[in-house]
Amino acid sequence: MRKLGIIGGMSWSSTALYYEHINRGVAQRLGGLHSATLAIESLDLAPLAVLEHSGDWDGVAKVEIDAAKRLQASGAEGIIIASNTGHKSYDAVAANVDVPLLHIGDAIAERLVAERRSRVALLGTRFTMTEAFVRDRIERRGITLAPIEAEWMAEVDRIIFDELAAGRVVRDSQRKLKTLITELAKQKVQAVVLGCTELVFAVDARANVLPVYDSTAIHARAAVEWMLAEEEVGAHAQAA
């Protein structure tokens, strides 16, 4: 099993979901008492959020690069950034380590293509919804991202930063997100992507008018596939 490094803490609650998803995935695939070989750099979100909102993305990148270097030094053979917004620094981080960085946008796009979704809505922070760092990875696979009204973008961003990232799930915000998804269904959108690792706390992926894709679960599953790829190839070779 390859050792995976996780840059987390953006927020800690969604990083906990990654930990659970990845360990459950490894246990299901290997059975018995197996669990994932992991190293986690859990960052302090508060100062990072200040840097993000002030536009100091070089500062954000430096924090993530330093975390990635520590993970590589700990023996991590690959790294994930446990945050959609954190992927704005993906290129800078990837350029400063010698191990693969598994992009959340690629994992999302592969799942959408596999299930033949051609027009979807991407919900997340205003950075994720408007900038290219996740959008491009999806659109380059021939998938159209439906436009989100500016008022809804502002509200989703507020819910994420003011509530979900702080560990608060507000019933009124849950209702608002369900209303948004219902409105998107009227725009011939085939599915909704939760492009923020905290949104799953407020959106029931099983109880909406559209299929809902949880980026946290999808990214974690891709990480498990990568971690076990060599081990399962070896097992098949021995069986043969």
Protein backbone atom coordinates (compact mmCIF):
# COMPACT_ATOMS: atom_id res chain seq x y z
CA MET A 1 0.00 0.00 0.00
CA ARG A 2 1.33 3.42 -0.91
CA LYS A 3 1.54 5.98 1.89
CA LEU A 4 -0.69 9.01 1.30
CA GLY A 5 -0.12 12.48 2.66
CA ILE A 6 -3.13 14.71 3.35
CA ILE A 7 -2.98 18.50 3.56
CA GLY A 8 -6.02 19.10 5.75
CA GLY A 9 -7.56 21.36 8.32
CA MET A 10 -9.40 23.37 5.64
CA SER A 11 -11.66 22.64 7.54
CA TRP A 12 -10.82 19.98 10.14
CA SER A 13 -14.36 18.59 9.94
CA SER A 14 -14.11 17.77 6.25
CA THR A 15 -10.62 16.38 6.80
CA ALA A 16 -12.18 14.00 9.32
CA LEU A 17 -14.52 12.84 6.55
CA TYR A 18 -11.53 12.17 4.30
CA TYR A 19 -9.92 10.10 7.06
CA GLU A 20 -13.07 8.05 7.49
CA HIS A 21 -13.76 7.59 3.77
CA ILE A 22 -10.18 6.53 3.00
CA ASN A 23 -9.91 4.10 5.90
CA ARG A 24 -13.29 2.55 5.14
CA GLY A 25 -12.32 2.23 1.48
CA VAL A 26 -9.08 0.45 2.29
CA ALA A 27 -10.81 -1.86 4.79
CA GLN A 28 -13.50 -2.76 2.26
CA ARG A 29 -10.95 -3.53 -0.45
CA LEU A 30 -8.41 -5.44 1.65
CA GLY A 31 -10.62 -6.83 4.42
CA GLY A 32 -9.68 -7.92 7.89
CA LEU A 33 -7.92 -5.38 10.09
CA HIS A 34 -6.52 -3.32 7.23
CA SER A 35 -6.50 0.46 7.42
CA ALA A 36 -4.88 3.26 5.42
CA THR A 37 -1.24 4.29 5.70
CA LEU A 38 -1.54 8.05 6.08
CA ALA A 39 0.27 11.20 7.18
CA ILE A 40 -1.80 14.32 7.85
CA GLU A 41 -0.71 17.96 7.99
CA SER A 42 -3.72 19.63 9.58
CA LEU A 43 -3.50 23.38 9.02
CA ASP A 44 -5.08 26.24 10.98
CA LEU A 45 -7.91 27.52 8.77
CA ALA A 46 -8.39 30.92 10.43
CA PRO A 47 -5.19 32.60 9.17
CA LEU A 48 -5.54 30.83 5.82
CA ALA A 49 -9.05 32.24 5.40
CA VAL A 50 -7.70 35.73 6.10
CA LEU A 51 -5.07 35.26 3.39
CA GLU A 52 -7.68 33.97 0.93
CA HIS A 53 -10.10 36.83 1.47
CA SER A 54 -7.32 39.41 1.26
CA GLY A 55 -6.15 37.93 -2.04
CA ASP A 56 -2.77 36.80 -0.71
CA TRP A 57 -2.66 33.54 -2.61
CA ASP A 58 1.13 33.50 -2.57
CA GLY A 59 0.84 33.35 1.22
CA VAL A 60 -1.66 30.49 0.98
CA ALA A 61 0.61 28.65 -1.44
CA LYS A 62 3.59 28.98 0.88
CA VAL A 63 1.65 27.40 3.75
CA GLU A 64 0.55 24.51 1.55
CA ILE A 65 4.01 24.04 0.00
CA ASP A 66 5.61 23.84 3.43
CA ALA A 67 2.98 21.28 4.49
CA ALA A 68 3.56 19.22 1.35
CA LYS A 69 7.32 19.20 1.89
CA ARG A 70 6.85 17.95 5.44
CA LEU A 71 4.56 15.19 4.19
CA GLN A 72 7.07 14.13 1.57
CA ALA A 73 9.81 14.11 4.21
CA SER A 74 7.61 11.84 6.34
CA GLY A 75 7.58 9.25 3.57
CA ALA A 76 4.36 10.14 1.78
CA GLU A 77 4.45 8.76 -1.78
CA GLY A 78 1.57 10.93 -2.96
CA ILE A 79 -0.40 13.87 -1.60
CA ILE A 80 -3.95 15.20 -1.66
CA ILE A 81 -5.20 18.66 -0.72
CA ALA A 82 -8.37 18.06 1.31
CA SER A 83 -10.08 21.22 0.09
CA ASN A 84 -11.47 22.39 -3.24
CA THR A 85 -10.46 26.00 -2.63
CA GLY A 86 -7.02 24.81 -1.52
CA HIS A 87 -6.48 23.55 -5.08
CA LYS A 88 -5.94 27.15 -6.20
CA SER A 89 -2.37 26.51 -5.00
CA TYR A 90 -2.17 23.10 -6.70
CA ASP A 91 0.36 24.07 -9.40
CA ALA A 92 2.67 25.78 -6.92
CA VAL A 93 2.55 22.83 -4.54
CA ALA A 94 3.07 20.26 -7.31
CA ALA A 95 6.12 22.16 -8.54
CA ASN A 96 7.76 21.96 -5.11
CA VAL A 97 7.46 18.24 -4.33
CA ASP A 98 8.67 15.11 -6.08
CA VAL A 99 5.59 12.97 -5.49
CA PRO A 100 2.24 12.98 -7.33
CA LEU A 101 -0.52 15.36 -6.23
CA LEU A 102 -3.98 13.89 -6.85
CA HIS A 103 -6.26 16.69 -8.12
CA ILE A 104 -9.84 16.80 -6.85
CA GLY A 105 -11.06 18.23 -10.17
CA ASP A 106 -9.73 15.25 -12.12
CA ALA A 107 -11.46 12.83 -9.75
CA ILE A 108 -14.76 14.72 -10.11
CA ALA A 109 -14.47 14.89 -13.90
CA GLU A 110 -13.72 11.19 -14.25
CA ARG A 111 -16.79 10.29 -12.22
CA LEU A 112 -19.03 12.64 -14.23
CA VAL A 113 -17.73 11.29 -17.53
CA ALA A 114 -18.20 7.70 -16.36
CA GLU A 115 -21.84 8.47 -15.55
CA ARG A 116 -22.38 10.48 -18.75
CA ARG A 117 -23.15 13.82 -17.15
CA SER A 118 -22.66 16.59 -19.71
CA ARG A 119 -24.23 19.61 -17.97
CA VAL A 120 -23.79 20.10 -14.23
CA ALA A 121 -23.73 22.84 -11.62
CA LEU A 122 -20.67 23.37 -9.44
CA LEU A 123 -21.30 24.72 -5.93
CA GLY A 124 -18.52 25.86 -3.64
CA THR A 125 -16.75 28.94 -2.39
CA ARG A 126 -16.85 31.95 -4.67
CA PHE A 127 -13.25 31.15 -5.60
CA THR A 128 -14.14 27.64 -6.74
CA MET A 129 -17.31 28.70 -8.54
CA THR A 130 -15.72 31.57 -10.51
CA GLU A 131 -12.05 30.68 -11.02
CA ALA A 132 -10.39 28.07 -13.21
CA PHE A 133 -8.49 25.82 -10.80
CA VAL A 134 -11.30 23.23 -10.48
CA ARG A 135 -13.61 24.36 -13.30
CA ASP A 136 -10.99 23.79 -16.01
CA ARG A 137 -10.37 20.21 -14.92
CA ILE A 138 -14.07 19.49 -15.40
CA GLU A 139 -14.69 21.52 -18.56
CA ARG A 140 -11.71 20.10 -20.41
CA ARG A 141 -13.51 16.73 -20.29
CA GLY A 142 -16.36 18.18 -22.35
CA ILE A 143 -18.67 18.90 -19.42
CA THR A 144 -20.61 22.16 -19.35
CA LEU A 145 -20.88 24.01 -16.04
CA ALA A 146 -24.21 25.80 -15.69
CA PRO A 147 -24.06 29.46 -14.56
CA ILE A 148 -24.93 30.29 -10.94
CA GLU A 149 -26.55 33.66 -10.21
CA ALA A 150 -24.35 36.13 -8.33
CA GLU A 151 -26.77 36.30 -5.40
CA TRP A 152 -26.69 32.54 -4.98
CA MET A 153 -22.89 32.49 -5.26
CA ALA A 154 -22.64 35.00 -2.43
CA GLU A 155 -25.05 33.02 -0.27
CA VAL A 156 -23.32 29.67 -0.82
CA ASP A 157 -19.96 31.29 -0.04
CA ARG A 158 -21.39 32.79 3.15
CA ILE A 159 -22.84 29.46 4.27
CA ILE A 160 -19.48 27.77 3.77
CA PHE A 161 -17.25 30.29 5.53
CA ASP A 162 -19.59 31.56 8.23
CA GLU A 163 -21.25 28.27 9.14
CA LEU A 164 -19.98 24.97 7.75
CA ALA A 165 -16.25 25.63 8.06
CA ALA A 166 -16.91 26.61 11.69
CA GLY A 167 -18.75 23.34 12.31
CA ARG A 168 -22.25 24.87 12.29
CA VAL A 169 -25.11 23.38 10.27
CA VAL A 170 -28.02 25.84 10.13
CA ARG A 171 -31.44 24.52 9.18
CA ASP A 172 -32.37 27.69 7.25
CA SER A 173 -29.22 27.35 5.15
CA GLN A 174 -30.04 23.72 4.43
CA ARG A 175 -33.43 24.85 3.11
CA LYS A 176 -31.80 27.54 0.97
CA LEU A 177 -29.41 25.05 -0.62
CA LYS A 178 -32.27 22.68 -1.36
CA THR A 179 -34.15 25.57 -3.00
CA LEU A 180 -31.09 26.37 -5.13
CA ILE A 181 -30.78 22.78 -6.30
CA THR A 182 -34.51 22.75 -7.16
CA GLU A 183 -34.04 25.93 -9.23
CA LEU A 184 -31.05 24.41 -11.01
CA ALA A 185 -33.16 21.39 -11.95
CA LYS A 186 -35.40 23.74 -13.93
CA GLN A 187 -32.37 24.85 -15.99
CA LYS A 188 -31.81 21.41 -17.51
CA VAL A 189 -28.92 20.70 -15.19
CA GLN A 190 -28.28 16.95 -14.93
CA ALA A 191 -26.51 16.94 -11.58
CA VAL A 192 -24.97 19.09 -8.87
CA VAL A 193 -21.35 18.84 -7.75
CA LEU A 194 -20.64 19.77 -4.14
CA GLY A 195 -17.36 21.50 -4.94
CA CYS A 196 -16.62 22.30 -1.33
CA THR A 197 -15.64 19.57 1.08
CA GLU A 198 -17.98 20.93 3.78
CA LEU A 199 -21.16 21.22 1.69
CA VAL A 200 -22.09 17.59 2.28
CA PHE A 201 -22.88 18.56 5.89
CA ALA A 202 -25.73 20.76 4.65
CA VAL A 203 -26.89 18.93 1.52
CA ASP A 204 -28.43 15.47 1.68
CA ALA A 205 -26.96 13.78 -1.37
CA ARG A 206 -29.79 11.20 -1.35
CA ALA A 207 -32.80 13.50 -0.95
CA ASN A 208 -32.73 16.05 -3.76
CA VAL A 209 -34.41 16.50 -7.11
CA LEU A 210 -31.03 16.13 -8.86
CA PRO A 211 -28.19 13.63 -8.45
CA VAL A 212 -25.63 15.14 -6.06
CA TYR A 213 -21.91 14.40 -6.34
CA ASP A 214 -19.92 14.82 -3.14
CA SER A 215 -16.37 15.91 -4.03
CA THR A 216 -15.03 14.77 -0.66
CA ALA A 217 -16.17 11.17 -1.15
CA ILE A 218 -15.11 11.15 -4.80
CA HIS A 219 -11.62 12.49 -4.04
CA ALA A 220 -11.19 10.06 -1.16
CA ARG A 221 -12.20 7.15 -3.38
CA ALA A 222 -9.66 8.20 -6.00
CA ALA A 223 -7.03 8.32 -3.25
CA VAL A 224 -7.86 4.76 -2.22
CA GLU A 225 -7.58 3.60 -5.84
CA TRP A 226 -4.13 5.19 -6.07
CA MET A 227 -2.97 3.82 -2.71
CA LEU A 228 -3.92 0.24 -3.57
CA ALA A 229 -3.09 0.15 -7.28
CA GLU A 230 0.31 -1.52 -6.96
CA GLU A 231 -0.79 -3.89 -4.19
CA GLU A 232 -3.77 -5.19 -6.13
CA VAL A 233 -1.71 -5.60 -9.33
CA GLY A 234 0.76 -7.67 -7.31
CA ALA A 235 -2.02 -9.77 -5.81
CA HIS A 236 -3.44 -10.52 -9.27
CA ALA A 237 0.02 -11.48 -10.55
CA GLN A 238 0.53 -13.92 -7.66
CA ALA A 239 -2.89 -15.46 -8.28
CA ALA A 240 -2.02 -15.99 -11.93
